[in-house]
Amino acid sequence: MTRWSPALWREATVFNAQFQLFLLVGAPLDLAAIFCPALLAWMLRGQATAFWFVLVATLLYAVSLALWFGLVKPANDVLATWTPGPIPENFAAIRLRWETGHMAVTAAKAIGFISLAFGMLSIRQV
């Protein structure tokens, strides 16, 4: 997205109500992504290997939400103040924070998913 012009990036990111969509869909899914593996880890507490992989996944999903609050939300708060018209002076810094924040969140979720997959593959049938 950094190849997009500032005007196009701002139009696609800020002015199309995608923040509302995250509130209605993304936030509940992020919470479920923490709760469901936590429940699974509790259910697998007797199987050490599966338990630890699933617990790590749970923690990584929680870290991804913390990263979102620490990196992306502050950028979103600034984006919410922008109005159509001239590009704000702090545009490059806000875009960089917003995009790198999303990359950090995605990395934590991807590693969490891999850990969850390893946990599922290591479940022993008793």
C-alpha atoms as a PDB file:
ATOM      1  CA  MET A   1       0.000   0.000   0.000  1.00  0.00           C
ATOM      2  CA  THR A   2       2.895   2.411   0.419  1.00  0.00           C
ATOM      3  CA  ARG A   3       2.989   2.771  -3.360  1.00  0.00           C
ATOM      4  CA  TRP A   4      -0.458   4.295  -3.271  1.00  0.00           C
ATOM      5  CA  SER A   5      -0.635   8.056  -3.356  1.00  0.00           C
ATOM      6  CA  PRO A   6      -1.438   9.657   0.000  1.00  0.00           C
ATOM      7  CA  ALA A   7      -4.855  10.722  -1.289  1.00  0.00           C
ATOM      8  CA  LEU A   8      -5.752   7.203  -2.471  1.00  0.00           C
ATOM      9  CA  TRP A   9      -4.475   5.572   0.732  1.00  0.00           C
ATOM     10  CA  ARG A  10      -6.424   8.005   2.893  1.00  0.00           C
ATOM     11  CA  GLU A  11      -9.592   7.534   0.828  1.00  0.00           C
ATOM     12  CA  ALA A  12      -9.365   3.719   0.943  1.00  0.00           C
ATOM     13  CA  THR A  13      -8.368   3.520   4.601  1.00  0.00           C
ATOM     14  CA  VAL A  14     -10.111   6.347   6.396  1.00  0.00           C
ATOM     15  CA  PHE A  15     -13.275   7.365   4.603  1.00  0.00           C
ATOM     16  CA  ASN A  16     -15.036   4.075   3.872  1.00  0.00           C
ATOM     17  CA  ALA A  17     -16.301   3.005   7.325  1.00  0.00           C
ATOM     18  CA  GLN A  18     -14.001   0.023   7.668  1.00  0.00           C
ATOM     19  CA  PHE A  19     -13.429   0.912  11.340  1.00  0.00           C
ATOM     20  CA  GLN A  20     -17.104   0.221  11.997  1.00  0.00           C
ATOM     21  CA  LEU A  21     -16.765  -3.156  10.285  1.00  0.00           C
ATOM     22  CA  PHE A  22     -13.865  -4.057  12.575  1.00  0.00           C
ATOM     23  CA  LEU A  23     -15.943  -3.153  15.606  1.00  0.00           C
ATOM     24  CA  LEU A  24     -18.842  -5.370  14.509  1.00  0.00           C
ATOM     25  CA  VAL A  25     -16.919  -8.318  13.043  1.00  0.00           C
ATOM     26  CA  GLY A  26     -13.196  -8.152  13.791  1.00  0.00           C
ATOM     27  CA  ALA A  27     -13.299  -7.421  17.508  1.00  0.00           C
ATOM     28  CA  PRO A  28     -15.575 -10.362  18.387  1.00  0.00           C
ATOM     29  CA  LEU A  29     -13.444 -12.658  16.222  1.00  0.00           C
ATOM     30  CA  ASP A  30     -10.256 -11.483  17.955  1.00  0.00           C
ATOM     31  CA  LEU A  31     -11.800 -12.216  21.346  1.00  0.00           C
ATOM     32  CA  ALA A  32     -12.981 -15.640  20.162  1.00  0.00           C
ATOM     33  CA  ALA A  33      -9.460 -16.315  18.837  1.00  0.00           C
ATOM     34  CA  ILE A  34      -8.220 -15.954  22.406  1.00  0.00           C
ATOM     35  CA  PHE A  35     -11.086 -17.650  24.233  1.00  0.00           C
ATOM     36  CA  CYS A  36     -11.408 -20.769  22.032  1.00  0.00           C
ATOM     37  CA  PRO A  37      -7.743 -21.859  22.165  1.00  0.00           C
ATOM     38  CA  ALA A  38      -7.704 -21.080  25.900  1.00  0.00           C
ATOM     39  CA  LEU A  39     -10.626 -23.453  26.358  1.00  0.00           C
ATOM     40  CA  LEU A  40      -8.902 -26.043  24.168  1.00  0.00           C
ATOM     41  CA  ALA A  41      -5.685 -25.702  26.178  1.00  0.00           C
ATOM     42  CA  TRP A  42      -7.650 -26.327  29.369  1.00  0.00           C
ATOM     43  CA  MET A  43      -9.216 -29.418  27.771  1.00  0.00           C
ATOM     44  CA  LEU A  44      -5.753 -30.671  26.718  1.00  0.00           C
ATOM     45  CA  ARG A  45      -4.071 -30.093  30.083  1.00  0.00           C
ATOM     46  CA  GLY A  46      -3.349 -33.831  30.387  1.00  0.00           C
ATOM     47  CA  GLN A  47      -1.433 -33.937  27.083  1.00  0.00           C
ATOM     48  CA  ALA A  48       1.702 -31.898  27.639  1.00  0.00           C
ATOM     49  CA  THR A  49       2.842 -31.391  24.040  1.00  0.00           C
ATOM     50  CA  ALA A  50      -0.573 -30.429  22.670  1.00  0.00           C
ATOM     51  CA  PHE A  51      -1.305 -28.306  25.735  1.00  0.00           C
ATOM     52  CA  TRP A  52       1.862 -26.219  25.404  1.00  0.00           C
ATOM     53  CA  PHE A  53       1.439 -25.609  21.671  1.00  0.00           C
ATOM     54  CA  VAL A  54      -2.181 -24.534  22.172  1.00  0.00           C
ATOM     55  CA  LEU A  55      -1.278 -22.391  25.185  1.00  0.00           C
ATOM     56  CA  VAL A  56       1.409 -20.627  23.149  1.00  0.00           C
ATOM     57  CA  ALA A  57      -1.163 -20.040  20.414  1.00  0.00           C
ATOM     58  CA  THR A  58      -3.551 -18.546  22.963  1.00  0.00           C
ATOM     59  CA  LEU A  59      -0.857 -16.229  24.280  1.00  0.00           C
ATOM     60  CA  LEU A  60       0.147 -15.152  20.772  1.00  0.00           C
ATOM     61  CA  TYR A  61      -3.457 -14.312  19.912  1.00  0.00           C
ATOM     62  CA  ALA A  62      -3.617 -12.243  23.112  1.00  0.00           C
ATOM     63  CA  VAL A  63      -0.325 -10.567  22.164  1.00  0.00           C
ATOM     64  CA  SER A  64      -1.756  -9.749  18.736  1.00  0.00           C
ATOM     65  CA  LEU A  65      -4.685  -7.962  20.382  1.00  0.00           C
ATOM     66  CA  ALA A  66      -2.301  -6.093  22.695  1.00  0.00           C
ATOM     67  CA  LEU A  67      -0.225  -5.096  19.657  1.00  0.00           C
ATOM     68  CA  TRP A  68      -3.363  -3.820  17.973  1.00  0.00           C
ATOM     69  CA  PHE A  69      -4.192  -1.664  21.004  1.00  0.00           C
ATOM     70  CA  GLY A  70      -0.588  -0.469  21.342  1.00  0.00           C
ATOM     71  CA  LEU A  71       0.255   0.200  17.696  1.00  0.00           C
ATOM     72  CA  VAL A  72      -2.810   0.334  15.476  1.00  0.00           C
ATOM     73  CA  LYS A  73      -5.405   1.946  17.734  1.00  0.00           C
ATOM     74  CA  PRO A  74      -3.341   5.108  18.352  1.00  0.00           C
ATOM     75  CA  ALA A  75      -2.989   5.498  14.581  1.00  0.00           C
ATOM     76  CA  ASN A  76      -6.722   4.848  14.168  1.00  0.00           C
ATOM     77  CA  ASP A  77      -7.451   7.554  16.723  1.00  0.00           C
ATOM     78  CA  VAL A  78      -5.521  10.045  14.592  1.00  0.00           C
ATOM     79  CA  LEU A  79      -7.097   8.775  11.364  1.00  0.00           C
ATOM     80  CA  ALA A  80     -10.551   9.330  12.871  1.00  0.00           C
ATOM     81  CA  THR A  81      -9.818  13.067  13.099  1.00  0.00           C
ATOM     82  CA  TRP A  82      -8.908  13.432   9.431  1.00  0.00           C
ATOM     83  CA  THR A  83     -11.353  15.135   7.103  1.00  0.00           C
ATOM     84  CA  PRO A  84     -11.463  15.384   3.322  1.00  0.00           C
ATOM     85  CA  GLY A  85      -9.196  18.077   1.992  1.00  0.00           C
ATOM     86  CA  PRO A  86      -5.453  18.593   2.158  1.00  0.00           C
ATOM     87  CA  ILE A  87      -3.254  15.682   3.239  1.00  0.00           C
ATOM     88  CA  PRO A  88      -2.215  16.148   6.910  1.00  0.00           C
ATOM     89  CA  GLU A  89       1.446  16.923   7.601  1.00  0.00           C
ATOM     90  CA  ASN A  90       1.853  13.827   9.777  1.00  0.00           C
ATOM     91  CA  PHE A  91       0.472  11.548   7.055  1.00  0.00           C
ATOM     92  CA  ALA A  92       3.666   9.513   6.452  1.00  0.00           C
ATOM     93  CA  ALA A  93       4.238   8.821  10.157  1.00  0.00           C
ATOM     94  CA  ILE A  94       0.628   7.783  10.763  1.00  0.00           C
ATOM     95  CA  ARG A  95       0.548   5.551   7.683  1.00  0.00           C
ATOM     96  CA  LEU A  96       3.821   3.894   8.717  1.00  0.00           C
ATOM     97  CA  ARG A  97       2.538   3.247  12.252  1.00  0.00           C
ATOM     98  CA  TRP A  98      -0.791   1.919  10.949  1.00  0.00           C
ATOM     99  CA  GLU A  99       0.799  -0.413   8.407  1.00  0.00           C
ATOM    100  CA  THR A 100       3.644  -1.700  10.580  1.00  0.00           C
ATOM    101  CA  GLY A 101       1.179  -2.196  13.431  1.00  0.00           C
ATOM    102  CA  HIS A 102      -0.982  -4.369  11.201  1.00  0.00           C
ATOM    103  CA  MET A 103       2.096  -6.316  10.084  1.00  0.00           C
ATOM    104  CA  ALA A 104       3.072  -6.982  13.707  1.00  0.00           C
ATOM    105  CA  VAL A 105      -0.474  -8.109  14.528  1.00  0.00           C
ATOM    106  CA  THR A 106      -0.504 -10.388  11.485  1.00  0.00           C
ATOM    107  CA  ALA A 107       2.875 -11.899  12.396  1.00  0.00           C
ATOM    108  CA  ALA A 108       1.701 -12.733  15.921  1.00  0.00           C
ATOM    109  CA  LYS A 109      -1.515 -14.271  14.572  1.00  0.00           C
ATOM    110  CA  ALA A 110       0.332 -16.288  11.921  1.00  0.00           C
ATOM    111  CA  ILE A 111       2.790 -17.732  14.436  1.00  0.00           C
ATOM    112  CA  GLY A 112      -0.144 -18.377  16.784  1.00  0.00           C
ATOM    113  CA  PHE A 113      -1.950 -20.258  14.028  1.00  0.00           C
ATOM    114  CA  ILE A 114       1.136 -22.377  13.340  1.00  0.00           C
ATOM    115  CA  SER A 115       1.421 -23.200  17.040  1.00  0.00           C
ATOM    116  CA  LEU A 116      -2.277 -24.058  17.165  1.00  0.00           C
ATOM    117  CA  ALA A 117      -1.880 -26.345  14.141  1.00  0.00           C
ATOM    118  CA  PHE A 118       1.051 -28.124  15.798  1.00  0.00           C
ATOM    119  CA  GLY A 119      -1.007 -28.485  18.941  1.00  0.00           C
ATOM    120  CA  MET A 120      -3.903 -30.016  17.024  1.00  0.00           C
ATOM    121  CA  LEU A 121      -1.557 -32.395  15.187  1.00  0.00           C
ATOM    122  CA  SER A 122      -0.001 -33.569  18.442  1.00  0.00           C
ATOM    123  CA  ILE A 123      -3.265 -34.567  20.154  1.00  0.00           C
ATOM    124  CA  ARG A 124      -3.120 -38.210  21.168  1.00  0.00           C
ATOM    125  CA  GLN A 125      -6.249 -40.319  20.895  1.00  0.00           C
ATOM    126  CA  VAL A 126      -6.786 -42.010  24.241  1.00  0.00           C
END
